[in-house]
Amino acid sequence: MAAPAAKAPHAPALEMRLSVPVDGTLNDVAVELATKLAEFLGAESASIGGAIGMLTSRVASAGENVTFEFRHIGRELVIRAHCNGRSAEERRPLTA
């Protein structure tokens, strides 16, 4: 049996991607997912909705779709938003 491949130290321990429209209730899914991930990983989660809103406003306009990437890298939760070639990032330290 082959041994599992070794993981690079900078490789994400968790990586999740979610695309949602900027407008409407599906954007709330991104906020809820980010909040749950922050809580699970041990990051501060109270202001995560504001962070998602800020990232969205930096990269997308009404009627567009925004893609969020959630990554657990080292001792941080990294949230990156992408839309039509624009991107923004928020990093949250993990305490747990």
N, C-alpha and C. Protein backbone atom coordinates (compact mmCIF):
# COMPACT_ATOMS: atom_id res chain seq x y z
N MET A 1 0.85 -1.17 0.00
CA MET A 1 0.00 0.00 0.00
C MET A 1 0.90 1.24 0.00
N ALA A 2 0.56 2.19 -0.83
CA ALA A 2 1.34 3.41 -0.91
C ALA A 2 1.04 4.32 0.29
N ALA A 3 2.07 4.99 0.73
CA ALA A 3 1.92 5.93 1.85
C ALA A 3 1.24 7.20 1.34
N PRO A 4 0.45 7.87 2.19
CA PRO A 4 -0.17 9.12 1.76
C PRO A 4 0.89 10.17 1.47
N ALA A 5 0.59 11.02 0.53
CA ALA A 5 1.53 12.08 0.17
C ALA A 5 1.68 13.04 1.33
N ALA A 6 2.90 13.51 1.53
CA ALA A 6 3.16 14.48 2.58
C ALA A 6 2.57 15.83 2.17
N LYS A 7 2.04 16.53 3.14
CA LYS A 7 1.44 17.83 2.89
C LYS A 7 2.48 18.93 3.08
N ALA A 8 2.53 19.85 2.15
CA ALA A 8 3.43 20.99 2.28
C ALA A 8 3.00 21.83 3.47
N PRO A 9 3.94 22.45 4.20
CA PRO A 9 3.58 23.22 5.39
C PRO A 9 2.64 24.39 5.10
N HIS A 10 2.68 24.95 3.91
CA HIS A 10 1.84 26.09 3.57
C HIS A 10 0.51 25.68 2.91
N ALA A 11 0.32 24.38 2.72
CA ALA A 11 -0.91 23.89 2.07
C ALA A 11 -2.10 24.09 3.01
N PRO A 12 -3.26 24.46 2.45
CA PRO A 12 -4.43 24.66 3.30
C PRO A 12 -4.89 23.37 3.96
N ALA A 13 -5.28 23.45 5.24
CA ALA A 13 -5.84 22.30 5.94
C ALA A 13 -7.30 22.12 5.56
N LEU A 14 -7.94 23.19 5.16
CA LEU A 14 -9.33 23.17 4.73
C LEU A 14 -9.45 24.18 3.59
N GLU A 15 -10.18 23.80 2.58
CA GLU A 15 -10.43 24.73 1.48
C GLU A 15 -11.84 24.49 0.97
N MET A 16 -12.62 25.59 0.90
CA MET A 16 -14.00 25.51 0.45
C MET A 16 -14.28 26.71 -0.43
N ARG A 17 -15.05 26.50 -1.48
CA ARG A 17 -15.40 27.57 -2.41
C ARG A 17 -16.91 27.63 -2.56
N LEU A 18 -17.45 28.86 -2.59
CA LEU A 18 -18.89 29.07 -2.70
C LEU A 18 -19.14 30.27 -3.59
N SER A 19 -19.96 30.12 -4.62
CA SER A 19 -20.35 31.23 -5.50
C SER A 19 -21.81 31.55 -5.27
N VAL A 20 -22.09 32.84 -5.06
CA VAL A 20 -23.46 33.28 -4.80
C VAL A 20 -23.70 34.61 -5.50
N PRO A 21 -24.97 34.91 -5.82
CA PRO A 21 -25.28 36.24 -6.34
C PRO A 21 -25.11 37.28 -5.22
N VAL A 22 -24.70 38.47 -5.61
CA VAL A 22 -24.51 39.54 -4.63
C VAL A 22 -25.85 39.89 -3.97
N ASP A 23 -26.90 39.91 -4.76
CA ASP A 23 -28.23 40.28 -4.27
C ASP A 23 -28.99 39.04 -3.81
N GLY A 24 -29.85 39.22 -2.84
CA GLY A 24 -30.75 38.15 -2.45
C GLY A 24 -30.28 37.33 -1.27
N THR A 25 -31.06 36.32 -0.96
CA THR A 25 -30.83 35.53 0.25
C THR A 25 -29.66 34.57 0.14
N LEU A 26 -29.24 34.21 -1.07
CA LEU A 26 -28.11 33.29 -1.17
C LEU A 26 -26.82 33.90 -0.65
N ASN A 27 -26.71 35.23 -0.68
CA ASN A 27 -25.53 35.87 -0.09
C ASN A 27 -25.48 35.60 1.40
N ASP A 28 -26.64 35.45 2.04
CA ASP A 28 -26.70 35.13 3.47
C ASP A 28 -26.06 33.78 3.76
N VAL A 29 -26.08 32.88 2.78
CA VAL A 29 -25.46 31.56 2.95
C VAL A 29 -23.95 31.74 3.15
N ALA A 30 -23.33 32.64 2.41
CA ALA A 30 -21.90 32.90 2.56
C ALA A 30 -21.58 33.42 3.96
N VAL A 31 -22.43 34.31 4.46
CA VAL A 31 -22.23 34.84 5.82
C VAL A 31 -22.36 33.73 6.85
N GLU A 32 -23.39 32.91 6.71
CA GLU A 32 -23.61 31.83 7.67
C GLU A 32 -22.48 30.80 7.61
N LEU A 33 -22.04 30.45 6.41
CA LEU A 33 -20.94 29.50 6.26
C LEU A 33 -19.66 30.06 6.88
N ALA A 34 -19.34 31.30 6.59
CA ALA A 34 -18.13 31.92 7.15
C ALA A 34 -18.19 31.96 8.67
N THR A 35 -19.37 32.28 9.22
CA THR A 35 -19.53 32.32 10.67
C THR A 35 -19.31 30.94 11.28
N LYS A 36 -19.90 29.92 10.69
CA LYS A 36 -19.75 28.55 11.20
C LYS A 36 -18.30 28.07 11.10
N LEU A 37 -17.64 28.38 9.97
CA LEU A 37 -16.23 27.99 9.83
C LEU A 37 -15.36 28.69 10.86
N ALA A 38 -15.60 29.97 11.07
CA ALA A 38 -14.83 30.72 12.07
C ALA A 38 -15.02 30.11 13.46
N GLU A 39 -16.26 29.81 13.82
CA GLU A 39 -16.53 29.21 15.11
C GLU A 39 -15.84 27.84 15.23
N PHE A 40 -15.95 27.03 14.20
CA PHE A 40 -15.38 25.68 14.21
C PHE A 40 -13.85 25.72 14.34
N LEU A 41 -13.22 26.65 13.62
CA LEU A 41 -11.76 26.72 13.61
C LEU A 41 -11.18 27.51 14.78
N GLY A 42 -12.02 28.25 15.50
CA GLY A 42 -11.55 29.00 16.65
C GLY A 42 -11.20 30.44 16.36
N ALA A 43 -11.74 31.00 15.30
CA ALA A 43 -11.53 32.42 14.99
C ALA A 43 -12.69 33.23 15.54
N GLU A 44 -12.48 34.52 15.73
CA GLU A 44 -13.54 35.42 16.17
C GLU A 44 -14.60 35.46 15.08
N SER A 45 -15.86 35.24 15.45
CA SER A 45 -16.90 35.11 14.44
C SER A 45 -17.97 36.20 14.50
N ALA A 46 -17.96 37.03 15.54
CA ALA A 46 -19.04 38.01 15.71
C ALA A 46 -19.12 39.01 14.56
N SER A 47 -18.00 39.41 14.01
CA SER A 47 -18.00 40.44 12.96
C SER A 47 -17.82 39.87 11.56
N ILE A 48 -17.98 38.57 11.42
CA ILE A 48 -17.71 37.93 10.12
C ILE A 48 -18.69 38.38 9.05
N GLY A 49 -19.94 38.66 9.43
CA GLY A 49 -20.91 39.15 8.45
C GLY A 49 -20.48 40.47 7.85
N GLY A 50 -19.93 41.34 8.68
CA GLY A 50 -19.41 42.61 8.19
C GLY A 50 -18.24 42.42 7.26
N ALA A 51 -17.39 41.43 7.56
CA ALA A 51 -16.24 41.15 6.69
C ALA A 51 -16.70 40.65 5.32
N ILE A 52 -17.71 39.77 5.30
CA ILE A 52 -18.23 39.28 4.02
C ILE A 52 -18.84 40.43 3.23
N GLY A 53 -19.58 41.30 3.91
CA GLY A 53 -20.16 42.46 3.25
C GLY A 53 -19.10 43.38 2.68
N MET A 54 -18.03 43.62 3.43
CA MET A 54 -16.94 44.46 2.98
C MET A 54 -16.24 43.86 1.77
N LEU A 55 -15.96 42.57 1.82
CA LEU A 55 -15.31 41.89 0.69
C LEU A 55 -16.19 41.97 -0.56
N THR A 56 -17.49 41.73 -0.37
CA THR A 56 -18.43 41.78 -1.49
C THR A 56 -18.44 43.17 -2.12
N SER A 57 -18.49 44.20 -1.30
CA SER A 57 -18.54 45.56 -1.84
C SER A 57 -17.26 45.95 -2.56
N ARG A 58 -16.15 45.35 -2.20
CA ARG A 58 -14.88 45.65 -2.86
C ARG A 58 -14.77 45.03 -4.26
N VAL A 59 -15.45 43.90 -4.48
CA VAL A 59 -15.21 43.18 -5.73
C VAL A 59 -16.42 43.08 -6.66
N ALA A 60 -17.62 43.28 -6.15
CA ALA A 60 -18.81 43.01 -6.98
C ALA A 60 -19.82 44.14 -6.91
N SER A 61 -20.61 44.22 -7.97
CA SER A 61 -21.72 45.18 -8.04
C SER A 61 -23.03 44.41 -8.08
N ALA A 62 -24.12 45.12 -7.93
CA ALA A 62 -25.44 44.50 -7.98
C ALA A 62 -25.59 43.69 -9.26
N GLY A 63 -26.19 42.53 -9.15
CA GLY A 63 -26.43 41.68 -10.31
C GLY A 63 -25.30 40.73 -10.65
N GLU A 64 -24.16 40.86 -9.99
CA GLU A 64 -23.03 39.98 -10.27
C GLU A 64 -23.00 38.82 -9.28
N ASN A 65 -22.22 37.80 -9.60
CA ASN A 65 -21.97 36.70 -8.69
C ASN A 65 -20.59 36.88 -8.09
N VAL A 66 -20.46 36.57 -6.83
CA VAL A 66 -19.17 36.63 -6.15
C VAL A 66 -18.81 35.22 -5.68
N THR A 67 -17.54 34.87 -5.83
CA THR A 67 -17.04 33.58 -5.37
C THR A 67 -16.21 33.81 -4.12
N PHE A 68 -16.56 33.11 -3.06
CA PHE A 68 -15.80 33.16 -1.82
C PHE A 68 -14.98 31.89 -1.68
N GLU A 69 -13.74 32.05 -1.27
CA GLU A 69 -12.88 30.92 -0.93
C GLU A 69 -12.58 31.01 0.56
N PHE A 70 -12.78 29.93 1.25
CA PHE A 70 -12.49 29.85 2.67
C PHE A 70 -11.34 28.85 2.83
N ARG A 71 -10.25 29.30 3.45
CA ARG A 71 -9.08 28.44 3.62
C ARG A 71 -8.56 28.53 5.05
N HIS A 72 -8.23 27.38 5.57
CA HIS A 72 -7.57 27.29 6.87
C HIS A 72 -6.10 27.05 6.57
N ILE A 73 -5.30 28.10 6.74
CA ILE A 73 -3.87 28.01 6.45
C ILE A 73 -3.11 28.37 7.71
N GLY A 74 -2.35 27.41 8.20
CA GLY A 74 -1.58 27.64 9.43
C GLY A 74 -2.50 28.01 10.57
N ARG A 75 -2.31 29.19 11.11
CA ARG A 75 -3.10 29.67 12.24
C ARG A 75 -4.08 30.75 11.83
N GLU A 76 -4.56 30.70 10.57
CA GLU A 76 -5.48 31.72 10.07
C GLU A 76 -6.63 31.10 9.27
N LEU A 77 -7.77 31.77 9.33
CA LEU A 77 -8.87 31.53 8.40
C LEU A 77 -8.75 32.64 7.36
N VAL A 78 -8.53 32.26 6.12
CA VAL A 78 -8.38 33.22 5.03
C VAL A 78 -9.67 33.19 4.21
N ILE A 79 -10.29 34.35 4.04
CA ILE A 79 -11.51 34.46 3.24
C ILE A 79 -11.17 35.37 2.07
N ARG A 80 -11.33 34.84 0.86
CA ARG A 80 -11.02 35.60 -0.35
C ARG A 80 -12.28 35.68 -1.20
N ALA A 81 -12.55 36.86 -1.73
CA ALA A 81 -13.70 37.07 -2.62
C ALA A 81 -13.18 37.41 -4.01
N HIS A 82 -13.82 36.83 -5.05
CA HIS A 82 -13.45 37.06 -6.45
C HIS A 82 -14.69 37.39 -7.26
N CYS A 83 -14.55 38.31 -8.20
CA CYS A 83 -15.62 38.62 -9.14
C CYS A 83 -15.04 39.36 -10.34
N ASN A 84 -15.19 38.80 -11.51
CA ASN A 84 -14.78 39.45 -12.77
C ASN A 84 -13.37 40.04 -12.72
N GLY A 85 -12.42 39.25 -12.26
CA GLY A 85 -11.03 39.67 -12.23
C GLY A 85 -10.64 40.51 -11.02
N ARG A 86 -11.58 40.84 -10.17
CA ARG A 86 -11.29 41.61 -8.96
C ARG A 86 -11.25 40.64 -7.77
N SER A 87 -10.39 40.94 -6.79
CA SER A 87 -10.35 40.09 -5.61
C SER A 87 -10.01 40.91 -4.38
N ALA A 88 -10.43 40.42 -3.23
CA ALA A 88 -10.12 41.02 -1.94
C ALA A 88 -10.02 39.90 -0.92
N GLU A 89 -9.30 40.14 0.16
CA GLU A 89 -9.02 39.09 1.12
C GLU A 89 -9.12 39.61 2.54
N GLU A 90 -9.56 38.75 3.42
CA GLU A 90 -9.65 39.02 4.85
C GLU A 90 -9.01 37.84 5.56
N ARG A 91 -8.19 38.12 6.56
CA ARG A 91 -7.54 37.06 7.35
C ARG A 91 -7.96 37.19 8.79
N ARG A 92 -8.31 36.06 9.38
CA ARG A 92 -8.72 36.01 10.78
C ARG A 92 -7.79 35.06 11.54
N PRO A 93 -7.15 35.53 12.60
CA PRO A 93 -6.29 34.62 13.39
C PRO A 93 -7.12 33.58 14.12
N LEU A 94 -6.57 32.40 14.26
CA LEU A 94 -7.22 31.32 15.00
C LEU A 94 -6.67 31.30 16.41
N THR A 95 -7.55 31.16 17.37
CA THR A 95 -7.13 31.14 18.77
C THR A 95 -7.17 29.76 19.37
N ALA A 96 -7.90 28.85 18.77
CA ALA A 96 -8.04 27.50 19.33
C ALA A 96 -6.92 26.60 18.86
